[in-house]
């Protein structure tokens, strides 16, 4: 995709969505993104598998929300580039009438969303907001055009808050968005941790390459779920959150913790 196809696109500045696209084997990235991706992979060779496992957590979480929890409305904040089993595909496979709002502020993400993220069912709706999570009120106002804020909504924050230095800033975004959705809504969230030396080296490599990503302590992440009721098994490494029964043996924990929680 060229800059003409996505006005405002800065190809010389690495962007998180495109770095992840590179790790996942995609083609929608540029030399600046690949330079960061390679630097992290040199320090942490398993990063591509890490990216894939994080995506699988999203799929399992959305399946739970659309299936067991019966949620039909989804607000996916920090969407990233379209890849395998996107939120609307998973949700609408279980809830054909599901409404999904994607939020991102990268021109390439938005261009791809409009081109590729079409409804999987005739009854459902899939829409997109050009917004930054640093402005949660704009997200809430924009989402109201597509979602019914009198009925439960599942809010997704999937590995997106590492670009905020202060965990309190992330907590403020979470509080504002979750305050706007009604009782019976859910939040699914994960973010990167760094409890091992290998993970700390990888985080430093990414920062040194020009795209710093702040890792969190488990307790910082736990604080983001204040006031919400955690769904079993609670806040755990994302590979251990309701793993696919088809997987052989117990999955290996990775440096990313996440959970799904319900608003009372």
C-alpha atoms as a PDB file:
ATOM      1  CA  UNK A   1       0.000   0.000   0.000  1.00  0.00           C
ATOM      2  CA  UNK A   2       1.339   3.424  -0.956  1.00  0.00           C
ATOM      3  CA  UNK A   3       1.082   6.766   0.804  1.00  0.00           C
ATOM      4  CA  UNK A   4      -1.341   7.857  -1.930  1.00  0.00           C
ATOM      5  CA  UNK A   5      -3.690   5.029  -0.908  1.00  0.00           C
ATOM      6  CA  UNK A   6      -3.439   5.952   2.792  1.00  0.00           C
ATOM      7  CA  UNK A   7      -3.143   9.747   3.160  1.00  0.00           C
ATOM      8  CA  UNK A   8      -1.171  10.793   6.221  1.00  0.00           C
ATOM      9  CA  UNK A   9       0.836   7.580   6.301  1.00  0.00           C
ATOM     10  CA  UNK A  10       4.408   8.030   7.599  1.00  0.00           C
ATOM     11  CA  UNK A  11       6.489   5.208   6.190  1.00  0.00           C
ATOM     12  CA  UNK A  12       9.686   6.485   7.816  1.00  0.00           C
ATOM     13  CA  UNK A  13       8.342   6.175  11.370  1.00  0.00           C
ATOM     14  CA  UNK A  14       7.844   2.689  12.845  1.00  0.00           C
ATOM     15  CA  UNK A  15       4.301   1.903  13.931  1.00  0.00           C
ATOM     16  CA  UNK A  16       3.202  -0.823  16.327  1.00  0.00           C
ATOM     17  CA  UNK A  17       0.517  -2.263  14.060  1.00  0.00           C
ATOM     18  CA  UNK A  18       2.953  -2.645  11.173  1.00  0.00           C
ATOM     19  CA  UNK A  19       5.699  -4.110  13.384  1.00  0.00           C
ATOM     20  CA  UNK A  20       3.268  -6.773  14.553  1.00  0.00           C
ATOM     21  CA  UNK A  21       2.214  -7.346  10.963  1.00  0.00           C
ATOM     22  CA  UNK A  22       5.872  -8.029  10.134  1.00  0.00           C
ATOM     23  CA  UNK A  23       6.272 -10.501  13.011  1.00  0.00           C
ATOM     24  CA  UNK A  24       3.129 -12.303  11.862  1.00  0.00           C
ATOM     25  CA  UNK A  25       4.530 -12.699   8.352  1.00  0.00           C
ATOM     26  CA  UNK A  26       2.462  -9.956   6.731  1.00  0.00           C
ATOM     27  CA  UNK A  27       3.457  -7.658   3.875  1.00  0.00           C
ATOM     28  CA  UNK A  28       1.947  -4.404   5.120  1.00  0.00           C
ATOM     29  CA  UNK A  29       5.075  -2.900   6.640  1.00  0.00           C
ATOM     30  CA  UNK A  30       8.020  -0.716   5.679  1.00  0.00           C
ATOM     31  CA  UNK A  31      11.796  -0.686   6.288  1.00  0.00           C
ATOM     32  CA  UNK A  32      11.396   1.353   9.492  1.00  0.00           C
ATOM     33  CA  UNK A  33       8.976  -1.253  10.871  1.00  0.00           C
ATOM     34  CA  UNK A  34      11.151  -4.179   9.799  1.00  0.00           C
ATOM     35  CA  UNK A  35      14.229  -2.620  11.406  1.00  0.00           C
ATOM     36  CA  UNK A  36      12.477  -2.558  14.783  1.00  0.00           C
ATOM     37  CA  UNK A  37      11.037  -6.007  14.230  1.00  0.00           C
ATOM     38  CA  UNK A  38      14.442  -7.458  13.413  1.00  0.00           C
ATOM     39  CA  UNK A  39      16.084  -5.788  16.407  1.00  0.00           C
ATOM     40  CA  UNK A  40      13.545  -7.320  18.772  1.00  0.00           C
ATOM     41  CA  UNK A  41      13.740 -10.714  17.074  1.00  0.00           C
ATOM     42  CA  UNK A  42      17.525 -10.707  17.423  1.00  0.00           C
ATOM     43  CA  UNK A  43      17.105 -10.203  21.171  1.00  0.00           C
ATOM     44  CA  UNK A  44      14.023 -12.410  21.519  1.00  0.00           C
ATOM     45  CA  UNK A  45      13.866 -15.013  18.723  1.00  0.00           C
ATOM     46  CA  UNK A  46      10.430 -16.272  19.829  1.00  0.00           C
ATOM     47  CA  UNK A  47       8.737 -12.911  19.196  1.00  0.00           C
ATOM     48  CA  UNK A  48       6.834 -14.147  16.110  1.00  0.00           C
ATOM     49  CA  UNK A  49       5.385 -17.019  18.132  1.00  0.00           C
ATOM     50  CA  UNK A  50       4.601 -14.527  20.898  1.00  0.00           C
ATOM     51  CA  UNK A  51       2.630 -12.404  18.430  1.00  0.00           C
ATOM     52  CA  UNK A  52       0.719 -15.444  17.197  1.00  0.00           C
ATOM     53  CA  UNK A  53      -0.130 -16.553  20.736  1.00  0.00           C
ATOM     54  CA  UNK A  54      -1.421 -13.109  21.601  1.00  0.00           C
ATOM     55  CA  UNK A  55      -3.743 -13.297  18.618  1.00  0.00           C
ATOM     56  CA  UNK A  56      -5.000 -16.685  19.758  1.00  0.00           C
ATOM     57  CA  UNK A  57      -5.881 -15.157  23.132  1.00  0.00           C
ATOM     58  CA  UNK A  58      -8.054 -12.593  21.350  1.00  0.00           C
ATOM     59  CA  UNK A  59      -9.831 -15.392  19.496  1.00  0.00           C
ATOM     60  CA  UNK A  60     -10.501 -17.402  22.662  1.00  0.00           C
ATOM     61  CA  UNK A  61     -11.668 -14.326  24.556  1.00  0.00           C
ATOM     62  CA  UNK A  62     -14.080 -13.246  21.806  1.00  0.00           C
ATOM     63  CA  UNK A  63     -15.420 -16.786  21.506  1.00  0.00           C
ATOM     64  CA  UNK A  64     -16.159 -16.788  25.226  1.00  0.00           C
ATOM     65  CA  UNK A  65     -17.776 -13.360  25.088  1.00  0.00           C
ATOM     66  CA  UNK A  66     -19.943 -14.062  22.048  1.00  0.00           C
ATOM     67  CA  UNK A  67     -20.687 -17.637  23.111  1.00  0.00           C
ATOM     68  CA  UNK A  68     -20.941 -18.298  26.842  1.00  0.00           C
ATOM     69  CA  UNK A  69     -21.435 -14.640  27.820  1.00  0.00           C
ATOM     70  CA  UNK A  70     -23.878 -13.918  24.966  1.00  0.00           C
ATOM     71  CA  UNK A  71     -22.377 -10.530  24.076  1.00  0.00           C
ATOM     72  CA  UNK A  72     -23.449  -9.096  20.718  1.00  0.00           C
ATOM     73  CA  UNK A  73     -21.570  -5.759  20.759  1.00  0.00           C
ATOM     74  CA  UNK A  74     -17.806  -5.290  20.604  1.00  0.00           C
ATOM     75  CA  UNK A  75     -15.543  -2.243  20.816  1.00  0.00           C
ATOM     76  CA  UNK A  76     -12.019  -3.227  19.718  1.00  0.00           C
ATOM     77  CA  UNK A  77      -9.645  -0.405  20.665  1.00  0.00           C
ATOM     78  CA  UNK A  78      -6.275  -0.432  18.906  1.00  0.00           C
ATOM     79  CA  UNK A  79      -7.291  -2.873  16.233  1.00  0.00           C
ATOM     80  CA  UNK A  80      -4.055  -3.307  14.335  1.00  0.00           C
ATOM     81  CA  UNK A  81      -3.856  -4.582  10.785  1.00  0.00           C
ATOM     82  CA  UNK A  82      -6.333  -7.259   9.687  1.00  0.00           C
ATOM     83  CA  UNK A  83      -4.960 -10.742  10.204  1.00  0.00           C
ATOM     84  CA  UNK A  84      -6.231 -14.206  11.067  1.00  0.00           C
ATOM     85  CA  UNK A  85      -9.652 -14.546  12.706  1.00  0.00           C
ATOM     86  CA  UNK A  86     -10.462 -10.910  13.295  1.00  0.00           C
ATOM     87  CA  UNK A  87     -12.859  -9.885  16.057  1.00  0.00           C
ATOM     88  CA  UNK A  88     -15.901  -9.489  13.821  1.00  0.00           C
ATOM     89  CA  UNK A  89     -15.315 -12.857  12.131  1.00  0.00           C
ATOM     90  CA  UNK A  90     -15.131 -14.700  15.442  1.00  0.00           C
ATOM     91  CA  UNK A  91     -18.043 -12.828  17.018  1.00  0.00           C
ATOM     92  CA  UNK A  92     -20.401 -12.982  14.036  1.00  0.00           C
ATOM     93  CA  UNK A  93     -19.748 -16.704  13.574  1.00  0.00           C
ATOM     94  CA  UNK A  94     -21.386 -17.200  16.986  1.00  0.00           C
ATOM     95  CA  UNK A  95     -23.684 -14.174  17.050  1.00  0.00           C
ATOM     96  CA  UNK A  96     -24.755 -13.369  13.469  1.00  0.00           C
ATOM     97  CA  UNK A  97     -26.235 -10.021  14.552  1.00  0.00           C
ATOM     98  CA  UNK A  98     -23.078  -8.907  16.355  1.00  0.00           C
ATOM     99  CA  UNK A  99     -22.040  -5.282  15.988  1.00  0.00           C
ATOM    100  CA  UNK A 100     -18.293  -4.596  15.974  1.00  0.00           C
ATOM    101  CA  UNK A 101     -16.569  -1.221  16.096  1.00  0.00           C
ATOM    102  CA  UNK A 102     -12.835  -1.148  15.372  1.00  0.00           C
ATOM    103  CA  UNK A 103     -10.748   1.793  16.593  1.00  0.00           C
ATOM    104  CA  UNK A 104      -7.292   2.779  15.355  1.00  0.00           C
ATOM    105  CA  UNK A 105      -5.401   5.902  14.373  1.00  0.00           C
ATOM    106  CA  UNK A 106      -2.992   4.525  11.758  1.00  0.00           C
ATOM    107  CA  UNK A 107      -3.941   5.434   8.161  1.00  0.00           C
ATOM    108  CA  UNK A 108      -2.844   2.041   6.832  1.00  0.00           C
ATOM    109  CA  UNK A 109      -4.956   0.202   9.404  1.00  0.00           C
ATOM    110  CA  UNK A 110      -7.992   2.284   8.501  1.00  0.00           C
ATOM    111  CA  UNK A 111      -7.499   1.816   4.763  1.00  0.00           C
ATOM    112  CA  UNK A 112      -7.219  -1.939   5.189  1.00  0.00           C
ATOM    113  CA  UNK A 113     -10.185  -2.029   7.516  1.00  0.00           C
ATOM    114  CA  UNK A 114     -12.422  -0.406   4.957  1.00  0.00           C
ATOM    115  CA  UNK A 115     -11.190  -2.738   2.226  1.00  0.00           C
ATOM    116  CA  UNK A 116     -10.964  -6.065   4.042  1.00  0.00           C
ATOM    117  CA  UNK A 117     -13.035  -6.127   7.216  1.00  0.00           C
ATOM    118  CA  UNK A 118     -16.397  -6.741   5.604  1.00  0.00           C
ATOM    119  CA  UNK A 119     -19.269  -8.313   7.521  1.00  0.00           C
ATOM    120  CA  UNK A 120     -19.236 -12.073   7.710  1.00  0.00           C
ATOM    121  CA  UNK A 121     -23.015 -12.120   8.091  1.00  0.00           C
ATOM    122  CA  UNK A 122     -25.807 -10.126   6.507  1.00  0.00           C
ATOM    123  CA  UNK A 123     -27.304  -9.349   9.922  1.00  0.00           C
ATOM    124  CA  UNK A 124     -24.164  -8.021  11.613  1.00  0.00           C
ATOM    125  CA  UNK A 125     -22.425  -4.671  11.312  1.00  0.00           C
ATOM    126  CA  UNK A 126     -18.734  -3.803  11.207  1.00  0.00           C
ATOM    127  CA  UNK A 127     -17.600  -0.194  11.423  1.00  0.00           C
ATOM    128  CA  UNK A 128     -14.356   1.712  12.049  1.00  0.00           C
ATOM    129  CA  UNK A 129     -13.339   4.804  13.973  1.00  0.00           C
ATOM    130  CA  UNK A 130     -10.281   6.944  13.280  1.00  0.00           C
ATOM    131  CA  UNK A 131      -9.431   7.727  16.897  1.00  0.00           C
ATOM    132  CA  UNK A 132      -6.643   7.577  19.462  1.00  0.00           C
ATOM    133  CA  UNK A 133      -7.153   5.887  22.819  1.00  0.00           C
ATOM    134  CA  UNK A 134      -5.614   8.963  24.433  1.00  0.00           C
ATOM    135  CA  UNK A 135      -8.973  10.577  23.654  1.00  0.00           C
ATOM    136  CA  UNK A 136     -11.472   8.077  25.102  1.00  0.00           C
ATOM    137  CA  UNK A 137     -14.388  10.502  24.968  1.00  0.00           C
ATOM    138  CA  UNK A 138     -14.032  10.683  21.180  1.00  0.00           C
ATOM    139  CA  UNK A 139     -14.065   6.883  21.024  1.00  0.00           C
ATOM    140  CA  UNK A 140     -17.178   6.691  23.187  1.00  0.00           C
ATOM    141  CA  UNK A 141     -18.980   9.366  21.173  1.00  0.00           C
ATOM    142  CA  UNK A 142     -18.049   7.703  17.884  1.00  0.00           C
ATOM    143  CA  UNK A 143     -19.042   4.238  19.082  1.00  0.00           C
ATOM    144  CA  UNK A 144     -22.495   5.445  20.090  1.00  0.00           C
ATOM    145  CA  UNK A 145     -23.360   5.784  16.407  1.00  0.00           C
ATOM    146  CA  UNK A 146     -23.021   2.004  15.956  1.00  0.00           C
ATOM    147  CA  UNK A 147     -23.487   0.464  19.407  1.00  0.00           C
ATOM    148  CA  UNK A 148     -26.378   0.592  21.870  1.00  0.00           C
ATOM    149  CA  UNK A 149     -24.935   1.816  25.162  1.00  0.00           C
ATOM    150  CA  UNK A 150     -28.030   0.610  26.991  1.00  0.00           C
ATOM    151  CA  UNK A 151     -26.984  -2.997  26.321  1.00  0.00           C
ATOM    152  CA  UNK A 152     -23.764  -4.804  27.327  1.00  0.00           C
ATOM    153  CA  UNK A 153     -20.641  -4.153  25.277  1.00  0.00           C
ATOM    154  CA  UNK A 154     -17.363  -6.055  25.259  1.00  0.00           C
ATOM    155  CA  UNK A 155     -14.396  -3.684  25.208  1.00  0.00           C
ATOM    156  CA  UNK A 156     -11.081  -5.061  23.931  1.00  0.00           C
ATOM    157  CA  UNK A 157      -7.633  -3.621  24.702  1.00  0.00           C
ATOM    158  CA  UNK A 158      -5.277  -6.169  23.174  1.00  0.00           C
ATOM    159  CA  UNK A 159      -1.630  -5.359  23.842  1.00  0.00           C
ATOM    160  CA  UNK A 160      -2.062  -1.682  23.049  1.00  0.00           C
ATOM    161  CA  UNK A 161      -1.031   0.245  26.146  1.00  0.00           C
ATOM    162  CA  UNK A 162       2.729  -0.286  25.919  1.00  0.00           C
ATOM    163  CA  UNK A 163       2.954   2.971  23.996  1.00  0.00           C
ATOM    164  CA  UNK A 164       1.955   4.852  27.149  1.00  0.00           C
ATOM    165  CA  UNK A 165       4.885   5.344  29.517  1.00  0.00           C
ATOM    166  CA  UNK A 166       2.787   5.731  32.660  1.00  0.00           C
ATOM    167  CA  UNK A 167       0.533   2.793  33.647  1.00  0.00           C
ATOM    168  CA  UNK A 168      -1.741   5.285  35.391  1.00  0.00           C
ATOM    169  CA  UNK A 169      -2.484   6.861  32.005  1.00  0.00           C
ATOM    170  CA  UNK A 170      -3.586   3.473  30.686  1.00  0.00           C
ATOM    171  CA  UNK A 171      -5.689   2.913  33.791  1.00  0.00           C
ATOM    172  CA  UNK A 172      -7.377   6.278  33.208  1.00  0.00           C
ATOM    173  CA  UNK A 173      -8.356   5.245  29.657  1.00  0.00           C
ATOM    174  CA  UNK A 174      -9.717   1.931  30.916  1.00  0.00           C
ATOM    175  CA  UNK A 175     -11.725   3.621  33.685  1.00  0.00           C
ATOM    176  CA  UNK A 176     -13.233   6.192  31.312  1.00  0.00           C
ATOM    177  CA  UNK A 177     -14.321   3.694  28.672  1.00  0.00           C
ATOM    178  CA  UNK A 178     -15.625   1.131  31.171  1.00  0.00           C
ATOM    179  CA  UNK A 179     -17.530   3.866  33.019  1.00  0.00           C
ATOM    180  CA  UNK A 180     -19.421   4.604  29.800  1.00  0.00           C
ATOM    181  CA  UNK A 181     -20.621   1.053  29.126  1.00  0.00           C
ATOM    182  CA  UNK A 182     -23.530  -0.434  31.104  1.00  0.00           C
ATOM    183  CA  UNK A 183     -23.634  -3.103  33.777  1.00  0.00           C
ATOM    184  CA  UNK A 184     -23.134  -6.554  32.290  1.00  0.00           C
ATOM    185  CA  UNK A 185     -20.450  -5.312  29.903  1.00  0.00           C
ATOM    186  CA  UNK A 186     -17.032  -6.950  29.736  1.00  0.00           C
ATOM    187  CA  UNK A 187     -13.421  -5.987  29.245  1.00  0.00           C
ATOM    188  CA  UNK A 188     -10.813  -8.260  27.646  1.00  0.00           C
ATOM    189  CA  UNK A 189      -7.270  -6.954  28.050  1.00  0.00           C
ATOM    190  CA  UNK A 190      -3.699  -8.158  27.836  1.00  0.00           C
ATOM    191  CA  UNK A 191      -0.352  -6.448  27.876  1.00  0.00           C
ATOM    192  CA  UNK A 192       3.318  -7.299  27.935  1.00  0.00           C
ATOM    193  CA  UNK A 193       5.192  -8.081  31.134  1.00  0.00           C
ATOM    194  CA  UNK A 194       8.920  -8.378  31.765  1.00  0.00           C
ATOM    195  CA  UNK A 195       9.516 -10.719  34.652  1.00  0.00           C
ATOM    196  CA  UNK A 196      12.537 -12.362  32.979  1.00  0.00           C
ATOM    197  CA  UNK A 197      15.877 -10.983  31.842  1.00  0.00           C
ATOM    198  CA  UNK A 198      15.182 -12.121  28.270  1.00  0.00           C
ATOM    199  CA  UNK A 199      12.001 -10.048  28.151  1.00  0.00           C
ATOM    200  CA  UNK A 200      13.781  -7.006  29.566  1.00  0.00           C
ATOM    201  CA  UNK A 201      16.506  -7.317  26.933  1.00  0.00           C
ATOM    202  CA  UNK A 202      13.857  -7.522  24.194  1.00  0.00           C
ATOM    203  CA  UNK A 203      12.098  -4.421  25.512  1.00  0.00           C
ATOM    204  CA  UNK A 204      15.394  -2.520  25.563  1.00  0.00           C
ATOM    205  CA  UNK A 205      16.147  -3.642  22.001  1.00  0.00           C
ATOM    206  CA  UNK A 206      12.799  -2.292  20.823  1.00  0.00           C
ATOM    207  CA  UNK A 207      13.363   1.010  22.588  1.00  0.00           C
ATOM    208  CA  UNK A 208      16.889   1.321  21.198  1.00  0.00           C
ATOM    209  CA  UNK A 209      15.498   0.691  17.700  1.00  0.00           C
ATOM    210  CA  UNK A 210      13.212   3.692  17.999  1.00  0.00           C
ATOM    211  CA  UNK A 211       9.869   2.217  19.055  1.00  0.00           C
ATOM    212  CA  UNK A 212       9.768   2.010  22.855  1.00  0.00           C
ATOM    213  CA  UNK A 213       7.125  -0.262  24.357  1.00  0.00           C
ATOM    214  CA  UNK A 214       6.584  -0.129  28.113  1.00  0.00           C
ATOM    215  CA  UNK A 215       6.199  -3.467  29.850  1.00  0.00           C
ATOM    216  CA  UNK A 216       4.057  -3.783  32.976  1.00  0.00           C
ATOM    217  CA  UNK A 217       4.197  -5.587  36.251  1.00  0.00           C
ATOM    218  CA  UNK A 218       1.460  -8.121  36.898  1.00  0.00           C
ATOM    219  CA  UNK A 219       0.199  -5.979  39.769  1.00  0.00           C
ATOM    220  CA  UNK A 220      -0.056  -2.923  37.515  1.00  0.00           C
ATOM    221  CA  UNK A 221      -2.167  -4.938  35.110  1.00  0.00           C
ATOM    222  CA  UNK A 222      -4.284  -6.255  37.960  1.00  0.00           C
ATOM    223  CA  UNK A 223      -5.067  -2.684  38.958  1.00  0.00           C
ATOM    224  CA  UNK A 224      -6.589  -2.013  35.544  1.00  0.00           C
ATOM    225  CA  UNK A 225      -9.327  -4.529  36.415  1.00  0.00           C
ATOM    226  CA  UNK A 226     -10.347  -2.708  39.608  1.00  0.00           C
ATOM    227  CA  UNK A 227     -14.121  -2.719  40.034  1.00  0.00           C
ATOM    228  CA  UNK A 228     -14.617  -5.561  37.554  1.00  0.00           C
ATOM    229  CA  UNK A 229     -15.297  -9.230  38.268  1.00  0.00           C
ATOM    230  CA  UNK A 230     -12.607 -11.426  36.751  1.00  0.00           C
ATOM    231  CA  UNK A 231     -13.770 -14.433  34.762  1.00  0.00           C
ATOM    232  CA  UNK A 232     -11.990 -17.671  35.638  1.00  0.00           C
ATOM    233  CA  UNK A 233      -9.050 -18.301  35.567  1.00  0.00           C
ATOM    234  CA  UNK A 234      -8.434 -14.612  36.319  1.00  0.00           C
ATOM    235  CA  UNK A 235      -5.313 -12.669  35.351  1.00  0.00           C
ATOM    236  CA  UNK A 236      -2.828 -15.202  33.992  1.00  0.00           C
ATOM    237  CA  UNK A 237      -0.295 -15.556  31.166  1.00  0.00           C
ATOM    238  CA  UNK A 238      -2.456 -15.332  28.073  1.00  0.00           C
ATOM    239  CA  UNK A 239      -1.446 -18.793  26.867  1.00  0.00           C
ATOM    240  CA  UNK A 240      -2.968 -20.212  30.072  1.00  0.00           C
ATOM    241  CA  UNK A 241      -6.289 -18.382  29.745  1.00  0.00           C
ATOM    242  CA  UNK A 242      -8.744 -21.125  28.787  1.00  0.00           C
ATOM    243  CA  UNK A 243      -6.345 -22.863  26.387  1.00  0.00           C
ATOM    244  CA  UNK A 244      -7.761 -24.776  23.451  1.00  0.00           C
ATOM    245  CA  UNK A 245      -8.572 -28.325  24.633  1.00  0.00           C
ATOM    246  CA  UNK A 246      -7.174 -29.621  21.333  1.00  0.00           C
ATOM    247  CA  UNK A 247      -3.670 -28.500  22.348  1.00  0.00           C
ATOM    248  CA  UNK A 248      -1.491 -31.339  23.601  1.00  0.00           C
ATOM    249  CA  UNK A 249      -0.107 -30.800  27.091  1.00  0.00           C
ATOM    250  CA  UNK A 250      -0.140 -27.627  29.161  1.00  0.00           C
ATOM    251  CA  UNK A 251       0.765 -24.517  27.138  1.00  0.00           C
ATOM    252  CA  UNK A 252       3.930 -22.667  28.060  1.00  0.00           C
ATOM    253  CA  UNK A 253       3.509 -19.349  29.860  1.00  0.00           C
ATOM    254  CA  UNK A 254       4.757 -16.261  28.009  1.00  0.00           C
ATOM    255  CA  UNK A 255       5.596 -12.701  29.041  1.00  0.00           C
ATOM    256  CA  UNK A 256       2.082 -11.390  28.553  1.00  0.00           C
ATOM    257  CA  UNK A 257      -0.748 -11.404  31.081  1.00  0.00           C
ATOM    258  CA  UNK A 258      -4.408 -10.935  30.345  1.00  0.00           C
ATOM    259  CA  UNK A 259      -7.921 -11.512  31.559  1.00  0.00           C
ATOM    260  CA  UNK A 260     -11.588 -11.114  30.802  1.00  0.00           C
ATOM    261  CA  UNK A 261     -13.762  -9.361  33.376  1.00  0.00           C
ATOM    262  CA  UNK A 262     -17.409  -8.385  33.788  1.00  0.00           C
ATOM    263  CA  UNK A 263     -18.720  -5.011  34.935  1.00  0.00           C
ATOM    264  CA  UNK A 264     -21.166  -5.626  37.814  1.00  0.00           C
END
